[in-house]
Every structure is written in structure tokens, then in C-alpha cells.
Amino acid sequence: MKILVIEDNIELLKDIKEYLEREGNVCEIAKDYQSALSKINDFQYDLLVIDITLPDGSGLDIIREVKQENIDVGIIVISAKNALDDKINGLELGADDYLTKPFYLPELNARIKALYRRKIYNGSNDIIFNEIKIIPEKRLVLVNEQALTLTQKEYDIINFFIANKNRLLTKEAIAEHIWGDHIENSDSFNFIYTHLANLRKKISDFGGQDYIKSIYRVGYKFSDQE
């Protein structure tokens, strides 16, 4: 999962980033309103964690901007203990959930996982695509009920593909989603081909079909449609 955390408390921001990355996520950060808007406009995220009170603006305005632009992303608001109006306003604007400071990082992580399941997998704990089954809680992929031995990046790629099945994904979008926004400075995305070749072989070794379709000079599409 690719997450953008928008928070001006540097210590809290660091703690959230480190925790979510240990949980296997790609976690980008923004310390203020302007840098958050810039990242949201330039990159794609699965989920935003937004502090309402920022030094140069309001997190509520970020939610307004996201909704006006019809950006498909989950939103969790974090706010001060006494900021009931902010919570209500955030939910009315379209936020999916909120947490009151101070909070435990495992609770934030649980809410992130629950929101991702609701938005991407209709609330299911396991994700099934034909003979492929993903168990997110265990970061496990099964093909014909046999467990694959995958690297973290291979798992992230198959998860990203199935979450976006039948959609054209550019090499840039794949790289940024799996490796983080800084990868945009890379001179080449050839490393994606290597990971996909390994992933294809591991799936086929257990009798799985090759659903990763190459779109010449553009990217890839994960689909069982001709």
C-alpha cells in the first residue's frame, strides 16, 4: 500500500512513517499544506492520513481539493482531542475515518488496513483472482492453493496489479507505487522487467496463468480478458 502522511509534528511524522514502513507499506510524508497538495497532484496514493491543523493551511481544504478533483483515495483524519468540529467537518467533506490524538500506532495501522479492504476489496479479508489468492494479513500469495515464496517487492507488485486489474499501468506508476515517489528520478525502469519475469516464473511453476500483459512502450495490464 502507498500512503501519504500529512502531519507537521516532526517526531510523530517520523514515528508513523517508520511504523508503516515496517508493516510493508510505502510511506511518503508531507510536513505542510503546500507540499501535501503538490504530492497529491503529482503522485498516486492508496490512502492519505491528514492532520487538520497545518502551519500554512487546513487539512480540511486538502480533503475539499481531493474531492473536487475526484481523486480516488482513502482518507483518515487525525485531529486534536478537543477538535470535535474538525472531525465532523472532515467526515462531511468525504473523509472515511478519523483518529483522535494521542493514538497508538497499531490502531492507526488497523484502521488503514480496514479502510483499504473496504475500498479495494469490498471488505474481504482475502483477495481472489481465479487461481491466485492473496492473504494480506500474512502477506501471502497462493496459486492453486500452493504458497509462493516471494520477495517483498514481488508481493507488492502482484497485490498492486490485482487491485488495479484490467487497468493500464505505466512503468512510472508501478515504480512510484512500489518503490516510492523518489524513484521518478531514475534514468530507467528496466528493473521492473526483472521483477516481473521472476514473478511470472513463480506463478507458472505452480500452474498459474500469465495475466501480466505487456503494452509496448507504455506499461502493463493485469487481466484475464483477451
C-alpha atoms as a PDB file:
ATOM      1  CA  MET A   1       0.000   0.000   0.000  1.00  0.00           C
ATOM      2  CA  LYS A   2       1.209   3.513  -0.767  1.00  0.00           C
ATOM      3  CA  ILE A   3       0.371   6.076   1.903  1.00  0.00           C
ATOM      4  CA  LEU A   4       0.912   9.816   2.223  1.00  0.00           C
ATOM      5  CA  VAL A   5       1.045  11.093   5.818  1.00  0.00           C
ATOM      6  CA  ILE A   6       0.433  14.841   6.213  1.00  0.00           C
ATOM      7  CA  GLU A   7       1.494  15.990   9.678  1.00  0.00           C
ATOM      8  CA  ASP A   8       3.501  18.968  10.994  1.00  0.00           C
ATOM      9  CA  ASN A   9       4.679  17.294  14.208  1.00  0.00           C
ATOM     10  CA  ILE A  10       8.057  16.033  13.020  1.00  0.00           C
ATOM     11  CA  GLU A  11       8.514  13.454  15.786  1.00  0.00           C
ATOM     12  CA  LEU A  12       5.045  11.971  15.251  1.00  0.00           C
ATOM     13  CA  LEU A  13       5.542  12.044  11.480  1.00  0.00           C
ATOM     14  CA  LYS A  14       8.812  10.118  11.821  1.00  0.00           C
ATOM     15  CA  ASP A  15       7.217   7.533  14.143  1.00  0.00           C
ATOM     16  CA  ILE A  16       4.259   6.964  11.792  1.00  0.00           C
ATOM     17  CA  LYS A  17       6.492   6.642   8.745  1.00  0.00           C
ATOM     18  CA  GLU A  18       8.843   4.142  10.399  1.00  0.00           C
ATOM     19  CA  TYR A  19       5.972   2.048  11.769  1.00  0.00           C
ATOM     20  CA  LEU A  20       4.014   1.873   8.496  1.00  0.00           C
ATOM     21  CA  GLU A  21       7.144   1.024   6.528  1.00  0.00           C
ATOM     22  CA  ARG A  22       7.923  -1.818   8.937  1.00  0.00           C
ATOM     23  CA  GLU A  23       4.424  -3.086   8.146  1.00  0.00           C
ATOM     24  CA  GLY A  24       5.414  -3.338   4.481  1.00  0.00           C
ATOM     25  CA  ASN A  25       3.934  -0.102   3.147  1.00  0.00           C
ATOM     26  CA  VAL A  26       5.472   2.614   1.008  1.00  0.00           C
ATOM     27  CA  CYS A  27       5.051   5.723   3.161  1.00  0.00           C
ATOM     28  CA  GLU A  28       5.630   9.254   1.857  1.00  0.00           C
ATOM     29  CA  ILE A  29       5.410  12.335   4.074  1.00  0.00           C
ATOM     30  CA  ALA A  30       4.424  15.991   3.851  1.00  0.00           C
ATOM     31  CA  LYS A  31       5.019  18.488   6.649  1.00  0.00           C
ATOM     32  CA  ASP A  32       2.715  21.265   5.445  1.00  0.00           C
ATOM     33  CA  TYR A  33      -0.281  22.131   3.277  1.00  0.00           C
ATOM     34  CA  GLN A  34       1.565  23.200   0.118  1.00  0.00           C
ATOM     35  CA  SER A  35       3.921  20.229  -0.084  1.00  0.00           C
ATOM     36  CA  ALA A  36       0.969  17.887   0.555  1.00  0.00           C
ATOM     37  CA  LEU A  37      -1.042  19.360  -2.329  1.00  0.00           C
ATOM     38  CA  SER A  38       1.986  19.172  -4.603  1.00  0.00           C
ATOM     39  CA  LYS A  39       2.495  15.465  -3.856  1.00  0.00           C
ATOM     40  CA  ILE A  40      -1.200  14.637  -4.252  1.00  0.00           C
ATOM     41  CA  ASN A  41      -1.280  16.368  -7.641  1.00  0.00           C
ATOM     42  CA  ASP A  42       1.919  14.692  -8.857  1.00  0.00           C
ATOM     43  CA  PHE A  43       1.624  11.157  -7.484  1.00  0.00           C
ATOM     44  CA  GLN A  44      -0.947   8.441  -6.848  1.00  0.00           C
ATOM     45  CA  TYR A  45      -1.670   7.121  -3.337  1.00  0.00           C
ATOM     46  CA  ASP A  46      -3.915   4.455  -1.868  1.00  0.00           C
ATOM     47  CA  LEU A  47      -4.533   6.397   1.300  1.00  0.00           C
ATOM     48  CA  LEU A  48      -3.998   9.805   2.905  1.00  0.00           C
ATOM     49  CA  VAL A  49      -3.523  10.335   6.638  1.00  0.00           C
ATOM     50  CA  ILE A  50      -4.284  14.029   7.181  1.00  0.00           C
ATOM     51  CA  ASP A  51      -3.723  16.207  10.216  1.00  0.00           C
ATOM     52  CA  ILE A  52      -6.292  19.022  10.228  1.00  0.00           C
ATOM     53  CA  THR A  53      -4.062  21.757  11.679  1.00  0.00           C
ATOM     54  CA  LEU A  54      -1.120  22.553   9.412  1.00  0.00           C
ATOM     55  CA  PRO A  55       1.243  25.554   9.583  1.00  0.00           C
ATOM     56  CA  ASP A  56       0.183  27.027   6.224  1.00  0.00           C
ATOM     57  CA  GLY A  57      -3.377  25.807   5.801  1.00  0.00           C
ATOM     58  CA  SER A  58      -6.061  23.361   6.830  1.00  0.00           C
ATOM     59  CA  GLY A  59      -6.242  19.653   6.220  1.00  0.00           C
ATOM     60  CA  LEU A  60      -9.950  20.194   5.542  1.00  0.00           C
ATOM     61  CA  ASP A  61      -9.015  22.166   2.427  1.00  0.00           C
ATOM     62  CA  ILE A  62      -6.892  19.246   1.256  1.00  0.00           C
ATOM     63  CA  ILE A  63      -9.938  16.982   1.579  1.00  0.00           C
ATOM     64  CA  ARG A  64     -12.006  19.527  -0.396  1.00  0.00           C
ATOM     65  CA  GLU A  65      -9.374  19.615  -3.133  1.00  0.00           C
ATOM     66  CA  VAL A  66      -9.214  15.808  -3.338  1.00  0.00           C
ATOM     67  CA  LYS A  67     -12.984  15.525  -3.626  1.00  0.00           C
ATOM     68  CA  GLN A  68     -13.307  18.351  -6.168  1.00  0.00           C
ATOM     69  CA  GLU A  69     -10.688  16.684  -8.363  1.00  0.00           C
ATOM     70  CA  ASN A  70     -12.376  13.278  -7.950  1.00  0.00           C
ATOM     71  CA  ILE A  71      -9.118  11.694  -6.791  1.00  0.00           C
ATOM     72  CA  ASP A  72      -9.780   8.080  -5.789  1.00  0.00           C
ATOM     73  CA  VAL A  73      -8.007   7.755  -2.448  1.00  0.00           C
ATOM     74  CA  GLY A  74      -8.936   6.730   1.100  1.00  0.00           C
ATOM     75  CA  ILE A  75      -8.730   9.434   3.778  1.00  0.00           C
ATOM     76  CA  ILE A  76      -8.142   9.138   7.512  1.00  0.00           C
ATOM     77  CA  VAL A  77      -8.245  12.360   9.549  1.00  0.00           C
ATOM     78  CA  ILE A  78      -6.135  12.766  12.680  1.00  0.00           C
ATOM     79  CA  SER A  79      -7.041  15.634  14.979  1.00  0.00           C
ATOM     80  CA  ALA A  80      -6.582  17.042  18.462  1.00  0.00           C
ATOM     81  CA  LYS A  81      -8.599  15.636  21.367  1.00  0.00           C
ATOM     82  CA  ASN A  82     -10.944  18.630  21.632  1.00  0.00           C
ATOM     83  CA  ALA A  83     -11.429  19.219  17.879  1.00  0.00           C
ATOM     84  CA  LEU A  84     -14.882  17.634  17.514  1.00  0.00           C
ATOM     85  CA  ASP A  85     -15.959  20.111  14.823  1.00  0.00           C
ATOM     86  CA  ASP A  86     -12.901  19.252  12.731  1.00  0.00           C
ATOM     87  CA  LYS A  87     -13.760  15.563  12.861  1.00  0.00           C
ATOM     88  CA  ILE A  88     -17.374  16.180  11.864  1.00  0.00           C
ATOM     89  CA  ASN A  89     -16.380  18.561   9.076  1.00  0.00           C
ATOM     90  CA  GLY A  90     -13.784  16.113   7.788  1.00  0.00           C
ATOM     91  CA  LEU A  91     -16.287  13.271   7.611  1.00  0.00           C
ATOM     92  CA  GLU A  92     -18.903  15.504   5.977  1.00  0.00           C
ATOM     93  CA  LEU A  93     -16.353  16.529   3.336  1.00  0.00           C
ATOM     94  CA  GLY A  94     -15.711  12.865   2.491  1.00  0.00           C
ATOM     95  CA  ALA A  95     -13.080  11.511   4.885  1.00  0.00           C
ATOM     96  CA  ASP A  96     -13.518   7.801   5.579  1.00  0.00           C
ATOM     97  CA  ASP A  97     -12.368   7.643   9.194  1.00  0.00           C
ATOM     98  CA  TYR A  98     -10.717   9.653  11.957  1.00  0.00           C
ATOM     99  CA  LEU A  99      -8.427   9.186  14.922  1.00  0.00           C
ATOM    100  CA  THR A 100      -8.028  11.440  17.941  1.00  0.00           C
ATOM    101  CA  LYS A 101      -4.533  12.330  19.175  1.00  0.00           C
ATOM    102  CA  PRO A 102      -2.815  10.791  21.004  1.00  0.00           C
ATOM    103  CA  PHE A 103      -3.327   7.389  19.423  1.00  0.00           C
ATOM    104  CA  TYR A 104      -1.491   4.086  19.291  1.00  0.00           C
ATOM    105  CA  LEU A 105       0.267   3.313  16.012  1.00  0.00           C
ATOM    106  CA  PRO A 106      -1.142  -0.251  15.881  1.00  0.00           C
ATOM    107  CA  GLU A 107      -4.651   1.263  15.937  1.00  0.00           C
ATOM    108  CA  LEU A 108      -3.800   3.587  13.061  1.00  0.00           C
ATOM    109  CA  ASN A 109      -2.397   0.620  11.159  1.00  0.00           C
ATOM    110  CA  ALA A 110      -5.529  -1.457  11.827  1.00  0.00           C
ATOM    111  CA  ARG A 111      -7.775   1.340  10.577  1.00  0.00           C
ATOM    112  CA  ILE A 112      -5.627   1.757   7.466  1.00  0.00           C
ATOM    113  CA  LYS A 113      -5.910  -1.958   6.687  1.00  0.00           C
ATOM    114  CA  ALA A 114      -9.667  -1.963   7.295  1.00  0.00           C
ATOM    115  CA  LEU A 115     -10.194   1.061   5.051  1.00  0.00           C
ATOM    116  CA  TYR A 116      -8.055  -0.459   2.296  1.00  0.00           C
ATOM    117  CA  ARG A 117     -10.079  -3.682   2.438  1.00  0.00           C
ATOM    118  CA  ARG A 118     -13.338  -1.722   2.188  1.00  0.00           C
ATOM    119  CA  LYS A 119     -12.245   0.458  -0.707  1.00  0.00           C
ATOM    120  CA  ILE A 120     -10.242  -2.001  -2.786  1.00  0.00           C
ATOM    121  CA  TYR A 121     -11.557  -5.444  -1.872  1.00  0.00           C
ATOM    122  CA  ASN A 122     -15.138  -4.740  -0.752  1.00  0.00           C
ATOM    123  CA  GLY A 123     -14.321  -5.645   2.834  1.00  0.00           C
ATOM    124  CA  SER A 124     -12.940  -9.115   2.098  1.00  0.00           C
ATOM    125  CA  ASN A 125     -10.044 -10.390   4.186  1.00  0.00           C
ATOM    126  CA  ASP A 126      -8.672 -12.440   1.297  1.00  0.00           C
ATOM    127  CA  ILE A 127      -8.361 -11.405  -2.355  1.00  0.00           C
ATOM    128  CA  ILE A 128      -9.083 -13.976  -5.041  1.00  0.00           C
ATOM    129  CA  PHE A 129      -8.397 -13.693  -8.755  1.00  0.00           C
ATOM    130  CA  ASN A 130      -9.062 -17.005 -10.492  1.00  0.00           C
ATOM    131  CA  GLU A 131      -6.411 -19.438  -9.184  1.00  0.00           C
ATOM    132  CA  ILE A 132      -4.496 -16.689  -7.341  1.00  0.00           C
ATOM    133  CA  LYS A 133      -5.326 -15.905  -3.713  1.00  0.00           C
ATOM    134  CA  ILE A 134      -3.768 -13.169  -1.577  1.00  0.00           C
ATOM    135  CA  ILE A 135      -3.948 -13.193   2.228  1.00  0.00           C
ATOM    136  CA  PRO A 136      -2.891  -9.626   3.166  1.00  0.00           C
ATOM    137  CA  GLU A 137      -2.659 -10.243   6.918  1.00  0.00           C
ATOM    138  CA  LYS A 138       0.071 -12.825   6.254  1.00  0.00           C
ATOM    139  CA  ARG A 139       1.454 -11.126   3.120  1.00  0.00           C
ATOM    140  CA  LEU A 140       0.960 -14.497   1.481  1.00  0.00           C
ATOM    141  CA  VAL A 141       0.146 -15.386  -2.131  1.00  0.00           C
ATOM    142  CA  LEU A 142      -1.269 -18.790  -3.096  1.00  0.00           C
ATOM    143  CA  VAL A 143      -1.518 -20.217  -6.605  1.00  0.00           C
ATOM    144  CA  ASN A 144      -3.772 -23.260  -6.852  1.00  0.00           C
ATOM    145  CA  GLU A 145      -3.640 -23.360  -3.022  1.00  0.00           C
ATOM    146  CA  GLN A 146       0.167 -23.556  -3.031  1.00  0.00           C
ATOM    147  CA  ALA A 147       2.146 -20.812  -1.294  1.00  0.00           C
ATOM    148  CA  LEU A 148       4.621 -18.819  -3.368  1.00  0.00           C
ATOM    149  CA  THR A 149       7.972 -17.713  -1.992  1.00  0.00           C
ATOM    150  CA  LEU A 150       8.047 -14.044  -2.953  1.00  0.00           C
ATOM    151  CA  THR A 151      10.289 -11.107  -2.193  1.00  0.00           C
ATOM    152  CA  GLN A 152       8.610  -8.075  -0.612  1.00  0.00           C
ATOM    153  CA  LYS A 153       8.621  -6.237  -3.948  1.00  0.00           C
ATOM    154  CA  GLU A 154       7.173  -9.210  -5.820  1.00  0.00           C
ATOM    155  CA  TYR A 155       4.352  -9.388  -3.280  1.00  0.00           C
ATOM    156  CA  ASP A 156       3.740  -5.642  -3.574  1.00  0.00           C
ATOM    157  CA  ILE A 157       3.640  -5.868  -7.377  1.00  0.00           C
ATOM    158  CA  ILE A 158       1.097  -8.728  -7.555  1.00  0.00           C
ATOM    159  CA  ASN A 159      -1.033  -7.004  -4.911  1.00  0.00           C
ATOM    160  CA  PHE A 160      -0.918  -3.720  -6.865  1.00  0.00           C
ATOM    161  CA  PHE A 161      -1.762  -5.470 -10.127  1.00  0.00           C
ATOM    162  CA  ILE A 162      -4.778  -7.315  -8.717  1.00  0.00           C
ATOM    163  CA  ALA A 163      -6.042  -4.160  -7.006  1.00  0.00           C
ATOM    164  CA  ASN A 164      -5.897  -2.487 -10.438  1.00  0.00           C
ATOM    165  CA  LYS A 165      -6.890  -5.428 -12.645  1.00  0.00           C
ATOM    166  CA  ASN A 166      -7.877  -4.576 -16.233  1.00  0.00           C
ATOM    167  CA  ARG A 167      -6.288  -1.109 -15.912  1.00  0.00           C
ATOM    168  CA  LEU A 168      -3.311   0.063 -17.930  1.00  0.00           C
ATOM    169  CA  LEU A 169      -0.452   0.787 -15.535  1.00  0.00           C
ATOM    170  CA  THR A 170       2.542   2.713 -16.807  1.00  0.00           C
ATOM    171  CA  LYS A 171       6.034   1.700 -15.793  1.00  0.00           C
ATOM    172  CA  GLU A 172       6.338   5.013 -13.961  1.00  0.00           C
ATOM    173  CA  ALA A 173       3.130   4.410 -11.979  1.00  0.00           C
ATOM    174  CA  ILE A 174       4.280   0.928 -10.985  1.00  0.00           C
ATOM    175  CA  ALA A 175       7.728   2.139  -9.943  1.00  0.00           C
ATOM    176  CA  GLU A 176       6.398   5.077  -7.901  1.00  0.00           C
ATOM    177  CA  HIS A 177       3.763   2.956  -6.185  1.00  0.00           C
ATOM    178  CA  ILE A 178       6.112   0.146  -5.200  1.00  0.00           C
ATOM    179  CA  TRP A 179       9.407   1.997  -4.625  1.00  0.00           C
ATOM    180  CA  GLY A 180       8.193   5.479  -3.627  1.00  0.00           C
ATOM    181  CA  ASP A 181       7.964   8.907  -5.227  1.00  0.00           C
ATOM    182  CA  HIS A 182      11.744   9.431  -5.302  1.00  0.00           C
ATOM    183  CA  ILE A 183      12.024   6.749  -7.996  1.00  0.00           C
ATOM    184  CA  GLU A 184      10.775   9.299 -10.559  1.00  0.00           C
ATOM    185  CA  ASN A 185      14.405  10.470 -10.811  1.00  0.00           C
ATOM    186  CA  SER A 186      15.523   7.065 -12.084  1.00  0.00           C
ATOM    187  CA  ASP A 187      17.080   7.002 -15.543  1.00  0.00           C
ATOM    188  CA  SER A 188      15.436   3.682 -16.390  1.00  0.00           C
ATOM    189  CA  PHE A 189      12.637   1.430 -15.202  1.00  0.00           C
ATOM    190  CA  ASN A 190      14.196  -1.748 -16.590  1.00  0.00           C
ATOM    191  CA  PHE A 191      14.400  -3.188 -13.073  1.00  0.00           C
ATOM    192  CA  ILE A 192      10.608  -3.664 -13.222  1.00  0.00           C
ATOM    193  CA  TYR A 193      11.043  -6.175 -16.047  1.00  0.00           C
ATOM    194  CA  THR A 194      13.356  -8.301 -13.875  1.00  0.00           C
ATOM    195  CA  HIS A 195      10.865  -8.409 -11.002  1.00  0.00           C
ATOM    196  CA  LEU A 196       8.004  -9.260 -13.369  1.00  0.00           C
ATOM    197  CA  ALA A 197       9.997 -12.050 -15.024  1.00  0.00           C
ATOM    198  CA  ASN A 198      10.672 -13.618 -11.611  1.00  0.00           C
ATOM    199  CA  LEU A 199       7.038 -13.209 -10.579  1.00  0.00           C
ATOM    200  CA  ARG A 200       5.737 -14.759 -13.805  1.00  0.00           C
ATOM    201  CA  LYS A 201       8.014 -17.778 -13.381  1.00  0.00           C
ATOM    202  CA  LYS A 202       6.980 -18.368  -9.774  1.00  0.00           C
ATOM    203  CA  ILE A 203       3.286 -18.219 -10.700  1.00  0.00           C
ATOM    204  CA  SER A 204       3.696 -20.521 -13.715  1.00  0.00           C
ATOM    205  CA  ASP A 205       5.724 -23.037 -11.664  1.00  0.00           C
ATOM    206  CA  PHE A 206       2.540 -23.743  -9.683  1.00  0.00           C
ATOM    207  CA  GLY A 207       0.296 -23.934 -12.717  1.00  0.00           C
ATOM    208  CA  GLY A 208      -0.860 -20.310 -12.735  1.00  0.00           C
ATOM    209  CA  GLN A 209      -1.729 -18.404 -15.880  1.00  0.00           C
ATOM    210  CA  ASP A 210       0.247 -15.387 -17.062  1.00  0.00           C
ATOM    211  CA  TYR A 211      -2.137 -12.469 -16.593  1.00  0.00           C
ATOM    212  CA  ILE A 212       0.571  -9.792 -16.874  1.00  0.00           C
ATOM    213  CA  LYS A 213       0.142  -8.358 -20.350  1.00  0.00           C
ATOM    214  CA  SER A 214       2.898  -6.099 -21.726  1.00  0.00           C
ATOM    215  CA  ILE A 215       1.730  -2.956 -23.501  1.00  0.00           C
ATOM    216  CA  TYR A 216       4.545  -1.973 -25.838  1.00  0.00           C
ATOM    217  CA  ARG A 217       6.476   1.120 -24.692  1.00  0.00           C
ATOM    218  CA  VAL A 218       3.771   2.037 -22.171  1.00  0.00           C
ATOM    219  CA  GLY A 219       3.477  -0.448 -19.320  1.00  0.00           C
ATOM    220  CA  TYR A 220       1.410  -3.429 -18.257  1.00  0.00           C
ATOM    221  CA  LYS A 221      -2.139  -4.625 -17.693  1.00  0.00           C
ATOM    222  CA  PHE A 222      -3.149  -7.439 -15.342  1.00  0.00           C
ATOM    223  CA  SER A 223      -6.152  -9.128 -16.920  1.00  0.00           C
ATOM    224  CA  ASP A 224      -7.732 -12.439 -17.887  1.00  0.00           C
ATOM    225  CA  GLN A 225      -9.550 -10.764 -20.783  1.00  0.00           C
ATOM    226  CA  GLU A 226      -8.357 -11.125 -24.333  1.00  0.00           C
END
